[in-house]
Amino acid sequence: MVVVIGEFRLPSNRIEEARPMMRKVIEATLTEAGCISYSYAHDALDQGLIRVSEAWESAEHLTAHLQTRHMQIWTEEREKLELTGRDITRYEVTDATRF
């Protein structure tokens, strides 16, 4: 399993404009083969900070995701939204325990 955790920033005055774009990429991604979970969340203490959380069955599934048309569109859209501070890390998970 591959887990992706990260964050990015949007100017506070662009959040509402970004919301339908984020919804579109999230909904499309959730239908992809190998996608276990995919979400963005606003930080409770920092209005412009968006947290990213993803889980994929394999690195190959993640690679395929990054090449989809909806990710290409989202990449173009986020540049127009003045997205900054993008910091995303991929982790290979060999064991997981629910608690």
PDB file of N, CA and C in Angstrom:
ATOM      1  N   MET A   1       0.847  -1.180   0.000  1.00  0.00           N
ATOM      2  CA  MET A   1       0.000   0.000   0.000  1.00  0.00           C
ATOM      3  C   MET A   1       0.885   1.233   0.000  1.00  0.00           C
ATOM      4  N   VAL A   2       0.409   2.265  -0.669  1.00  0.00           N
ATOM      5  CA  VAL A   2       1.093   3.549  -0.719  1.00  0.00           C
ATOM      6  C   VAL A   2       0.174   4.587  -0.077  1.00  0.00           C
ATOM      7  N   VAL A   3       0.746   5.362   0.838  1.00  0.00           N
ATOM      8  CA  VAL A   3       0.008   6.448   1.495  1.00  0.00           C
ATOM      9  C   VAL A   3       0.680   7.760   1.122  1.00  0.00           C
ATOM     10  N   VAL A   4      -0.131   8.743   0.799  1.00  0.00           N
ATOM     11  CA  VAL A   4       0.363  10.067   0.435  1.00  0.00           C
ATOM     12  C   VAL A   4      -0.234  11.058   1.430  1.00  0.00           C
ATOM     13  N   ILE A   5       0.644  11.818   2.063  1.00  0.00           N
ATOM     14  CA  ILE A   5       0.223  12.828   3.036  1.00  0.00           C
ATOM     15  C   ILE A   5       0.888  14.139   2.643  1.00  0.00           C
ATOM     16  N   GLY A   6       0.142  15.218   2.722  1.00  0.00           N
ATOM     17  CA  GLY A   6       0.752  16.496   2.384  1.00  0.00           C
ATOM     18  C   GLY A   6      -0.156  17.666   2.662  1.00  0.00           C
ATOM     19  N   GLU A   7       0.241  18.778   2.085  1.00  0.00           N
ATOM     20  CA  GLU A   7      -0.511  20.013   2.272  1.00  0.00           C
ATOM     21  C   GLU A   7      -0.181  20.989   1.157  1.00  0.00           C
ATOM     22  N   PHE A   8      -1.066  21.956   1.000  1.00  0.00           N
ATOM     23  CA  PHE A   8      -0.799  23.091   0.126  1.00  0.00           C
ATOM     24  C   PHE A   8      -1.593  24.269   0.662  1.00  0.00           C
ATOM     25  N   ARG A   9      -1.267  25.444   0.166  1.00  0.00           N
ATOM     26  CA  ARG A   9      -1.937  26.660   0.613  1.00  0.00           C
ATOM     27  C   ARG A   9      -2.657  27.327  -0.546  1.00  0.00           C
ATOM     28  N   LEU A  10      -3.805  27.876  -0.217  1.00  0.00           N
ATOM     29  CA  LEU A  10      -4.556  28.707  -1.148  1.00  0.00           C
ATOM     30  C   LEU A  10      -4.842  30.030  -0.459  1.00  0.00           C
ATOM     31  N   PRO A  11      -4.811  31.123  -1.202  1.00  0.00           N
ATOM     32  CA  PRO A  11      -5.221  32.388  -0.599  1.00  0.00           C
ATOM     33  C   PRO A  11      -6.655  32.243  -0.078  1.00  0.00           C
ATOM     34  N   SER A  12      -6.922  32.758   1.092  1.00  0.00           N
ATOM     35  CA  SER A  12      -8.246  32.622   1.713  1.00  0.00           C
ATOM     36  C   SER A  12      -9.369  33.085   0.793  1.00  0.00           C
ATOM     37  N   ASN A  13      -9.099  34.118   0.002  1.00  0.00           N
ATOM     38  CA  ASN A  13     -10.142  34.636  -0.886  1.00  0.00           C
ATOM     39  C   ASN A  13     -10.360  33.763  -2.127  1.00  0.00           C
ATOM     40  N   ARG A  14      -9.602  32.666  -2.283  1.00  0.00           N
ATOM     41  CA  ARG A  14      -9.756  31.759  -3.435  1.00  0.00           C
ATOM     42  C   ARG A  14     -10.355  30.408  -3.028  1.00  0.00           C
ATOM     43  N   ILE A  15     -10.580  30.205  -1.733  1.00  0.00           N
ATOM     44  CA  ILE A  15     -11.079  28.907  -1.248  1.00  0.00           C
ATOM     45  C   ILE A  15     -12.406  28.533  -1.897  1.00  0.00           C
ATOM     46  N   GLU A  16     -13.363  29.448  -1.902  1.00  0.00           N
ATOM     47  CA  GLU A  16     -14.679  29.126  -2.469  1.00  0.00           C
ATOM     48  C   GLU A  16     -14.591  28.863  -3.970  1.00  0.00           C
ATOM     49  N   GLU A  17     -13.736  29.562  -4.653  1.00  0.00           N
ATOM     50  CA  GLU A  17     -13.516  29.331  -6.083  1.00  0.00           C
ATOM     51  C   GLU A  17     -12.908  27.940  -6.313  1.00  0.00           C
ATOM     52  N   ALA A  18     -12.020  27.528  -5.408  1.00  0.00           N
ATOM     53  CA  ALA A  18     -11.317  26.255  -5.540  1.00  0.00           C
ATOM     54  C   ALA A  18     -12.186  25.058  -5.178  1.00  0.00           C
ATOM     55  N   ARG A  19     -13.178  25.262  -4.324  1.00  0.00           N
ATOM     56  CA  ARG A  19     -13.975  24.149  -3.802  1.00  0.00           C
ATOM     57  C   ARG A  19     -14.570  23.255  -4.908  1.00  0.00           C
ATOM     58  N   PRO A  20     -15.236  23.789  -5.947  1.00  0.00           N
ATOM     59  CA  PRO A  20     -15.777  22.887  -6.985  1.00  0.00           C
ATOM     60  C   PRO A  20     -14.678  22.188  -7.791  1.00  0.00           C
ATOM     61  N   MET A  21     -13.537  22.828  -7.947  1.00  0.00           N
ATOM     62  CA  MET A  21     -12.423  22.199  -8.657  1.00  0.00           C
ATOM     63  C   MET A  21     -11.883  21.025  -7.847  1.00  0.00           C
ATOM     64  N   MET A  22     -11.738  21.234  -6.533  1.00  0.00           N
ATOM     65  CA  MET A  22     -11.258  20.157  -5.659  1.00  0.00           C
ATOM     66  C   MET A  22     -12.269  19.016  -5.626  1.00  0.00           C
ATOM     67  N   ARG A  23     -13.546  19.347  -5.535  1.00  0.00           N
ATOM     68  CA  ARG A  23     -14.594  18.313  -5.526  1.00  0.00           C
ATOM     69  C   ARG A  23     -14.498  17.455  -6.788  1.00  0.00           C
ATOM     70  N   LYS A  24     -14.305  18.097  -7.927  1.00  0.00           N
ATOM     71  CA  LYS A  24     -14.243  17.393  -9.213  1.00  0.00           C
ATOM     72  C   LYS A  24     -13.081  16.394  -9.251  1.00  0.00           C
ATOM     73  N   VAL A  25     -11.899  16.828  -8.824  1.00  0.00           N
ATOM     74  CA  VAL A  25     -10.747  15.930  -8.868  1.00  0.00           C
ATOM     75  C   VAL A  25     -10.882  14.823  -7.819  1.00  0.00           C
ATOM     76  N   ILE A  26     -11.450  15.131  -6.659  1.00  0.00           N
ATOM     77  CA  ILE A  26     -11.645  14.107  -5.633  1.00  0.00           C
ATOM     78  C   ILE A  26     -12.625  13.049  -6.129  1.00  0.00           C
ATOM     79  N   GLU A  27     -13.768  13.479  -6.652  1.00  0.00           N
ATOM     80  CA  GLU A  27     -14.772  12.526  -7.127  1.00  0.00           C
ATOM     81  C   GLU A  27     -14.236  11.649  -8.251  1.00  0.00           C
ATOM     82  N   ALA A  28     -13.492  12.231  -9.179  1.00  0.00           N
ATOM     83  CA  ALA A  28     -12.917  11.447 -10.281  1.00  0.00           C
ATOM     84  C   ALA A  28     -11.876  10.458  -9.761  1.00  0.00           C
ATOM     85  N   THR A  29     -11.058  10.900  -8.835  1.00  0.00           N
ATOM     86  CA  THR A  29     -10.001  10.045  -8.299  1.00  0.00           C
ATOM     87  C   THR A  29     -10.575   8.862  -7.537  1.00  0.00           C
ATOM     88  N   LEU A  30     -11.635   9.080  -6.788  1.00  0.00           N
ATOM     89  CA  LEU A  30     -12.234   7.997  -6.003  1.00  0.00           C
ATOM     90  C   LEU A  30     -12.770   6.861  -6.863  1.00  0.00           C
ATOM     91  N   THR A  31     -12.960   7.103  -8.154  1.00  0.00           N
ATOM     92  CA  THR A  31     -13.428   6.041  -9.053  1.00  0.00           C
ATOM     93  C   THR A  31     -12.278   5.270  -9.706  1.00  0.00           C
ATOM     94  N   GLU A  32     -11.063   5.702  -9.489  1.00  0.00           N
ATOM     95  CA  GLU A  32      -9.912   5.068 -10.135  1.00  0.00           C
ATOM     96  C   GLU A  32      -9.591   3.704  -9.530  1.00  0.00           C
ATOM     97  N   ALA A  33      -9.092   2.819 -10.381  1.00  0.00           N
ATOM     98  CA  ALA A  33      -8.623   1.518  -9.912  1.00  0.00           C
ATOM     99  C   ALA A  33      -7.497   1.724  -8.904  1.00  0.00           C
ATOM    100  N   GLY A  34      -7.543   1.001  -7.813  1.00  0.00           N
ATOM    101  CA  GLY A  34      -6.476   1.055  -6.820  1.00  0.00           C
ATOM    102  C   GLY A  34      -6.586   2.161  -5.796  1.00  0.00           C
ATOM    103  N   CYS A  35      -7.565   3.046  -5.947  1.00  0.00           N
ATOM    104  CA  CYS A  35      -7.726   4.140  -4.980  1.00  0.00           C
ATOM    105  C   CYS A  35      -8.472   3.619  -3.754  1.00  0.00           C
ATOM    106  N   ILE A  36      -7.833   3.684  -2.617  1.00  0.00           N
ATOM    107  CA  ILE A  36      -8.449   3.277  -1.354  1.00  0.00           C
ATOM    108  C   ILE A  36      -9.127   4.482  -0.709  1.00  0.00           C
ATOM    109  N   SER A  37      -8.443   5.615  -0.723  1.00  0.00           N
ATOM    110  CA  SER A  37      -9.028   6.858  -0.210  1.00  0.00           C
ATOM    111  C   SER A  37      -8.294   8.038  -0.832  1.00  0.00           C
ATOM    112  N   TYR A  38      -9.002   9.180  -0.887  1.00  0.00           N
ATOM    113  CA  TYR A  38      -8.425  10.395  -1.470  1.00  0.00           C
ATOM    114  C   TYR A  38      -9.229  11.564  -0.931  1.00  0.00           C
ATOM    115  N   SER A  39      -8.587  12.466  -0.197  1.00  0.00           N
ATOM    116  CA  SER A  39      -9.344  13.587   0.365  1.00  0.00           C
ATOM    117  C   SER A  39      -8.467  14.818   0.570  1.00  0.00           C
ATOM    118  N   TYR A  40      -9.143  15.956   0.564  1.00  0.00           N
ATOM    119  CA  TYR A  40      -8.551  17.234   0.931  1.00  0.00           C
ATOM    120  C   TYR A  40      -9.366  17.752   2.115  1.00  0.00           C
ATOM    121  N   ALA A  41      -8.720  18.425   3.049  1.00  0.00           N
ATOM    122  CA  ALA A  41      -9.422  18.968   4.212  1.00  0.00           C
ATOM    123  C   ALA A  41      -8.826  20.314   4.594  1.00  0.00           C
ATOM    124  N   HIS A  42      -9.705  21.247   4.927  1.00  0.00           N
ATOM    125  CA  HIS A  42      -9.234  22.541   5.427  1.00  0.00           C
ATOM    126  C   HIS A  42      -8.728  22.375   6.847  1.00  0.00           C
ATOM    127  N   ASP A  43      -7.591  22.953   7.141  1.00  0.00           N
ATOM    128  CA  ASP A  43      -7.053  22.929   8.492  1.00  0.00           C
ATOM    129  C   ASP A  43      -7.958  23.759   9.405  1.00  0.00           C
ATOM    130  N   ALA A  44      -8.265  23.250  10.570  1.00  0.00           N
ATOM    131  CA  ALA A  44      -9.184  23.926  11.493  1.00  0.00           C
ATOM    132  C   ALA A  44      -8.617  25.238  12.034  1.00  0.00           C
ATOM    133  N   LEU A  45      -7.304  25.373  12.084  1.00  0.00           N
ATOM    134  CA  LEU A  45      -6.695  26.565  12.663  1.00  0.00           C
ATOM    135  C   LEU A  45      -6.099  27.524  11.647  1.00  0.00           C
ATOM    136  N   ASP A  46      -5.951  27.073  10.404  1.00  0.00           N
ATOM    137  CA  ASP A  46      -5.301  27.882   9.374  1.00  0.00           C
ATOM    138  C   ASP A  46      -6.162  27.843   8.112  1.00  0.00           C
ATOM    139  N   GLN A  47      -6.966  28.848   7.881  1.00  0.00           N
ATOM    140  CA  GLN A  47      -7.974  28.874   6.819  1.00  0.00           C
ATOM    141  C   GLN A  47      -7.415  28.578   5.430  1.00  0.00           C
ATOM    142  N   GLY A  48      -6.211  28.999   5.130  1.00  0.00           N
ATOM    143  CA  GLY A  48      -5.664  28.806   3.797  1.00  0.00           C
ATOM    144  C   GLY A  48      -4.927  27.499   3.591  1.00  0.00           C
ATOM    145  N   LEU A  49      -4.817  26.691   4.641  1.00  0.00           N
ATOM    146  CA  LEU A  49      -4.066  25.439   4.565  1.00  0.00           C
ATOM    147  C   LEU A  49      -4.998  24.276   4.246  1.00  0.00           C
ATOM    148  N   ILE A  50      -4.656  23.523   3.198  1.00  0.00           N
ATOM    149  CA  ILE A  50      -5.421  22.355   2.784  1.00  0.00           C
ATOM    150  C   ILE A  50      -4.554  21.118   3.022  1.00  0.00           C
ATOM    151  N   ARG A  51      -5.078  20.168   3.756  1.00  0.00           N
ATOM    152  CA  ARG A  51      -4.376  18.906   4.027  1.00  0.00           C
ATOM    153  C   ARG A  51      -4.788  17.871   2.978  1.00  0.00           C
ATOM    154  N   VAL A  52      -3.823  17.082   2.535  1.00  0.00           N
ATOM    155  CA  VAL A  52      -4.035  16.054   1.521  1.00  0.00           C
ATOM    156  C   VAL A  52      -3.796  14.685   2.158  1.00  0.00           C
ATOM    157  N   SER A  53      -4.692  13.749   1.876  1.00  0.00           N
ATOM    158  CA  SER A  53      -4.555  12.385   2.384  1.00  0.00           C
ATOM    159  C   SER A  53      -5.004  11.416   1.293  1.00  0.00           C
ATOM    160  N   GLU A  54      -4.131  10.472   0.951  1.00  0.00           N
ATOM    161  CA  GLU A  54      -4.442   9.494  -0.093  1.00  0.00           C
ATOM    162  C   GLU A  54      -3.940   8.121   0.334  1.00  0.00           C
ATOM    163  N   ALA A  55      -4.613   7.076  -0.127  1.00  0.00           N
ATOM    164  CA  ALA A  55      -4.113   5.711   0.039  1.00  0.00           C
ATOM    165  C   ALA A  55      -4.379   4.959  -1.257  1.00  0.00           C
ATOM    166  N   TRP A  56      -3.363   4.219  -1.701  1.00  0.00           N
ATOM    167  CA  TRP A  56      -3.416   3.489  -2.973  1.00  0.00           C
ATOM    168  C   TRP A  56      -2.983   2.049  -2.755  1.00  0.00           C
ATOM    169  N   GLU A  57      -3.556   1.149  -3.530  1.00  0.00           N
ATOM    170  CA  GLU A  57      -3.184  -0.265  -3.425  1.00  0.00           C
ATOM    171  C   GLU A  57      -1.725  -0.505  -3.788  1.00  0.00           C
ATOM    172  N   SER A  58      -1.172   0.311  -4.706  1.00  0.00           N
ATOM    173  CA  SER A  58       0.217   0.111  -5.142  1.00  0.00           C
ATOM    174  C   SER A  58       0.796   1.403  -5.715  1.00  0.00           C
ATOM    175  N   ALA A  59       2.104   1.404  -5.849  1.00  0.00           N
ATOM    176  CA  ALA A  59       2.790   2.544  -6.471  1.00  0.00           C
ATOM    177  C   ALA A  59       2.368   2.685  -7.933  1.00  0.00           C
ATOM    178  N   GLU A  60       2.086   1.588  -8.583  1.00  0.00           N
ATOM    179  CA  GLU A  60       1.643   1.625  -9.977  1.00  0.00           C
ATOM    180  C   GLU A  60       0.294   2.336 -10.111  1.00  0.00           C
ATOM    181  N   HIS A  61      -0.593   2.089  -9.163  1.00  0.00           N
ATOM    182  CA  HIS A  61      -1.888   2.776  -9.181  1.00  0.00           C
ATOM    183  C   HIS A  61      -1.703   4.280  -8.986  1.00  0.00           C
ATOM    184  N   LEU A  62      -0.821   4.657  -8.082  1.00  0.00           N
ATOM    185  CA  LEU A  62      -0.546   6.083  -7.863  1.00  0.00           C
ATOM    186  C   LEU A  62       0.053   6.711  -9.117  1.00  0.00           C
ATOM    187  N   THR A  63       0.984   6.029  -9.746  1.00  0.00           N
ATOM    188  CA  THR A  63       1.589   6.538 -10.976  1.00  0.00           C
ATOM    189  C   THR A  63       0.540   6.737 -12.062  1.00  0.00           C
ATOM    190  N   ALA A  64      -0.355   5.779 -12.209  1.00  0.00           N
ATOM    191  CA  ALA A  64      -1.426   5.910 -13.201  1.00  0.00           C
ATOM    192  C   ALA A  64      -2.326   7.098 -12.868  1.00  0.00           C
ATOM    193  N   HIS A  65      -2.615   7.289 -11.584  1.00  0.00           N
ATOM    194  CA  HIS A  65      -3.441   8.423 -11.141  1.00  0.00           C
ATOM    195  C   HIS A  65      -2.819   9.753 -11.569  1.00  0.00           C
ATOM    196  N   LEU A  66      -1.535   9.874 -11.384  1.00  0.00           N
ATOM    197  CA  LEU A  66      -0.855  11.137 -11.694  1.00  0.00           C
ATOM    198  C   LEU A  66      -0.872  11.462 -13.184  1.00  0.00           C
ATOM    199  N   GLN A  67      -1.175  10.476 -14.017  1.00  0.00           N
ATOM    200  CA  GLN A  67      -1.216  10.672 -15.459  1.00  0.00           C
ATOM    201  C   GLN A  67      -2.625  10.855 -16.015  1.00  0.00           C
ATOM    202  N   THR A  68      -3.628  10.845 -15.148  1.00  0.00           N
ATOM    203  CA  THR A  68      -5.012  10.977 -15.620  1.00  0.00           C
ATOM    204  C   THR A  68      -5.306  12.393 -16.102  1.00  0.00           C
ATOM    205  N   ARG A  69      -6.315  12.490 -16.927  1.00  0.00           N
ATOM    206  CA  ARG A  69      -6.731  13.798 -17.454  1.00  0.00           C
ATOM    207  C   ARG A  69      -7.217  14.717 -16.336  1.00  0.00           C
ATOM    208  N   HIS A  70      -7.954  14.180 -15.372  1.00  0.00           N
ATOM    209  CA  HIS A  70      -8.450  15.049 -14.299  1.00  0.00           C
ATOM    210  C   HIS A  70      -7.315  15.597 -13.438  1.00  0.00           C
ATOM    211  N   MET A  71      -6.216  14.874 -13.311  1.00  0.00           N
ATOM    212  CA  MET A  71      -5.063  15.420 -12.579  1.00  0.00           C
ATOM    213  C   MET A  71      -4.353  16.478 -13.418  1.00  0.00           C
ATOM    214  N   GLN A  72      -4.301  16.294 -14.729  1.00  0.00           N
ATOM    215  CA  GLN A  72      -3.722  17.320 -15.598  1.00  0.00           C
ATOM    216  C   GLN A  72      -4.532  18.609 -15.498  1.00  0.00           C
ATOM    217  N   ILE A  73      -5.853  18.474 -15.521  1.00  0.00           N
ATOM    218  CA  ILE A  73      -6.720  19.651 -15.404  1.00  0.00           C
ATOM    219  C   ILE A  73      -6.528  20.322 -14.052  1.00  0.00           C
ATOM    220  N   TRP A  74      -6.489  19.530 -12.965  1.00  0.00           N
ATOM    221  CA  TRP A  74      -6.312  20.081 -11.621  1.00  0.00           C
ATOM    222  C   TRP A  74      -4.964  20.798 -11.510  1.00  0.00           C
ATOM    223  N   THR A  75      -3.930  20.275 -12.122  1.00  0.00           N
ATOM    224  CA  THR A  75      -2.618  20.928 -12.104  1.00  0.00           C
ATOM    225  C   THR A  75      -2.702  22.308 -12.753  1.00  0.00           C
ATOM    226  N   GLU A  76      -3.406  22.391 -13.866  1.00  0.00           N
ATOM    227  CA  GLU A  76      -3.584  23.687 -14.548  1.00  0.00           C
ATOM    228  C   GLU A  76      -4.430  24.637 -13.703  1.00  0.00           C
ATOM    229  N   GLU A  77      -5.493  24.127 -13.115  1.00  0.00           N
ATOM    230  CA  GLU A  77      -6.387  24.967 -12.315  1.00  0.00           C
ATOM    231  C   GLU A  77      -5.700  25.504 -11.071  1.00  0.00           C
ATOM    232  N   ARG A  78      -4.939  24.661 -10.398  1.00  0.00           N
ATOM    233  CA  ARG A  78      -4.323  25.114  -9.147  1.00  0.00           C
ATOM    234  C   ARG A  78      -3.270  26.189  -9.379  1.00  0.00           C
ATOM    235  N   GLU A  79      -2.632  26.188 -10.527  1.00  0.00           N
ATOM    236  CA  GLU A  79      -1.703  27.272 -10.850  1.00  0.00           C
ATOM    237  C   GLU A  79      -2.437  28.604 -10.938  1.00  0.00           C
ATOM    238  N   LYS A  80      -3.616  28.597 -11.530  1.00  0.00           N
ATOM    239  CA  LYS A  80      -4.425  29.813 -11.662  1.00  0.00           C
ATOM    240  C   LYS A  80      -4.949  30.282 -10.310  1.00  0.00           C
ATOM    241  N   LEU A  81      -5.101  29.355  -9.363  1.00  0.00           N
ATOM    242  CA  LEU A  81      -5.614  29.696  -8.032  1.00  0.00           C
ATOM    243  C   LEU A  81      -4.542  30.260  -7.107  1.00  0.00           C
ATOM    244  N   GLU A  82      -3.302  30.343  -7.595  1.00  0.00           N
ATOM    245  CA  GLU A  82      -2.178  30.845  -6.801  1.00  0.00           C
ATOM    246  C   GLU A  82      -1.835  29.906  -5.643  1.00  0.00           C
ATOM    247  N   LEU A  83      -1.939  28.608  -5.900  1.00  0.00           N
ATOM    248  CA  LEU A  83      -1.576  27.603  -4.915  1.00  0.00           C
ATOM    249  C   LEU A  83      -0.094  27.715  -4.591  1.00  0.00           C
ATOM    250  N   THR A  84       0.250  27.651  -3.315  1.00  0.00           N
ATOM    251  CA  THR A  84       1.644  27.707  -2.869  1.00  0.00           C
ATOM    252  C   THR A  84       1.869  26.665  -1.773  1.00  0.00           C
ATOM    253  N   GLY A  85       3.103  26.526  -1.362  1.00  0.00           N
ATOM    254  CA  GLY A  85       3.448  25.684  -0.217  1.00  0.00           C
ATOM    255  C   GLY A  85       3.133  24.216  -0.401  1.00  0.00           C
ATOM    256  N   ARG A  86       3.101  23.756  -1.632  1.00  0.00           N
ATOM    257  CA  ARG A  86       2.775  22.347  -1.886  1.00  0.00           C
ATOM    258  C   ARG A  86       3.904  21.470  -1.347  1.00  0.00           C
ATOM    259  N   ASP A  87       3.555  20.602  -0.420  1.00  0.00           N
ATOM    260  CA  ASP A  87       4.528  19.705   0.219  1.00  0.00           C
ATOM    261  C   ASP A  87       3.846  18.346   0.380  1.00  0.00           C
ATOM    262  N   ILE A  88       4.161  17.431  -0.504  1.00  0.00           N
ATOM    263  CA  ILE A  88       3.500  16.132  -0.566  1.00  0.00           C
ATOM    264  C   ILE A  88       4.549  15.031  -0.413  1.00  0.00           C
ATOM    265  N   THR A  89       4.266  14.036   0.447  1.00  0.00           N
ATOM    266  CA  THR A  89       5.202  12.937   0.671  1.00  0.00           C
ATOM    267  C   THR A  89       4.499  11.605   0.463  1.00  0.00           C
ATOM    268  N   ARG A  90       5.165  10.712  -0.230  1.00  0.00           N
ATOM    269  CA  ARG A  90       4.656   9.360  -0.488  1.00  0.00           C
ATOM    270  C   ARG A  90       5.348   8.389   0.457  1.00  0.00           C
ATOM    271  N   TYR A  91       4.562   7.503   1.069  1.00  0.00           N
ATOM    272  CA  TYR A  91       5.086   6.494   1.992  1.00  0.00           C
ATOM    273  C   TYR A  91       4.692   5.105   1.503  1.00  0.00           C
ATOM    274  N   GLU A  92       5.627   4.178   1.543  1.00  0.00           N
ATOM    275  CA  GLU A  92       5.331   2.779   1.261  1.00  0.00           C
ATOM    276  C   GLU A  92       4.989   2.133   2.604  1.00  0.00           C
ATOM    277  N   VAL A  93       3.817   1.530   2.690  1.00  0.00           N
ATOM    278  CA  VAL A  93       3.349   0.941   3.936  1.00  0.00           C
ATOM    279  C   VAL A  93       3.390  -0.578   3.793  1.00  0.00           C
ATOM    280  N   THR A  94       4.085  -1.223   4.716  1.00  0.00           N
ATOM    281  CA  THR A  94       4.183  -2.686   4.670  1.00  0.00           C
ATOM    282  C   THR A  94       3.283  -3.350   5.697  1.00  0.00           C
ATOM    283  N   ASP A  95       2.789  -2.570   6.659  1.00  0.00           N
ATOM    284  CA  ASP A  95       1.920  -3.135   7.686  1.00  0.00           C
ATOM    285  C   ASP A  95       0.995  -2.044   8.188  1.00  0.00           C
ATOM    286  N   ALA A  96      -0.245  -2.399   8.452  1.00  0.00           N
ATOM    287  CA  ALA A  96      -1.196  -1.425   8.987  1.00  0.00           C
ATOM    288  C   ALA A  96      -2.069  -2.114  10.029  1.00  0.00           C
ATOM    289  N   THR A  97      -2.366  -1.393  11.084  1.00  0.00           N
ATOM    290  CA  THR A  97      -3.225  -1.904  12.147  1.00  0.00           C
ATOM    291  C   THR A  97      -4.296  -0.882  12.438  1.00  0.00           C
ATOM    292  N   ARG A  98      -5.551  -1.292  12.440  1.00  0.00           N
ATOM    293  CA  ARG A  98      -6.649  -0.393  12.810  1.00  0.00           C
ATOM    294  C   ARG A  98      -6.779  -0.371  14.320  1.00  0.00           C
ATOM    295  N   PHE A  99      -7.021   0.813  14.849  1.00  0.00           N
ATOM    296  CA  PHE A  99      -7.256   0.921  16.305  1.00  0.00           C
ATOM    297  C   PHE A  99      -8.213   2.042  16.590  1.00  0.00           C
TER     298      PHE A  99
END
